[in-house]
Every structure is written in structure tokens, then in C-alpha cells.
Amino acid sequence: MLKIGDKFEHEYSYTQEQVNLYAEVSGDTNPLHTNQEAGKNSIFGRCIIHGFLGASVFTKIFWGFMVC
């Protein structure tokens, strides 16, 4: 169990295939997430993942604490 002052790190990355699948099931087909050229020409300089897709990693992290 984490206590105040503890530090927790978790590294995770998404593949472009996972981002493309998320775009399909969520209906968010903004080219900023799936089109390399659109991403390159954006203020980010590359494609970015969907916000909710990024937030979904918290489920994976917290579930690990709940079942332990």
C-alpha cells in the first residue's frame, strides 16, 4: 500500500495500432491522432494519443493495487 511521501513510477507506451483502434471504437477520428502528416504539421510536431486513452492506464495501475 502506498503511503504519503511514497513515490510510484509506471512506464507504459501505446502503439499506433492501439491508437487507431481506440479512434475507431470511440468515434474520435481526428487526424491529429492517426495521420502522421497531420501530426507532423500540428503544434505538437507529431501525432498524439487521445486524452481518455492516456487516462485509461490509471485503471491498469490502480487495479493492481486493488487485487493485491
Foldseek 3Di string as FASTA:
>chain_A
DDDPPDDDDDDDDDDLVVQVVCCVVVVPPPCLARPQVVVCPDPNNGRDGDPVVVVCVVVVVVVVVVVD
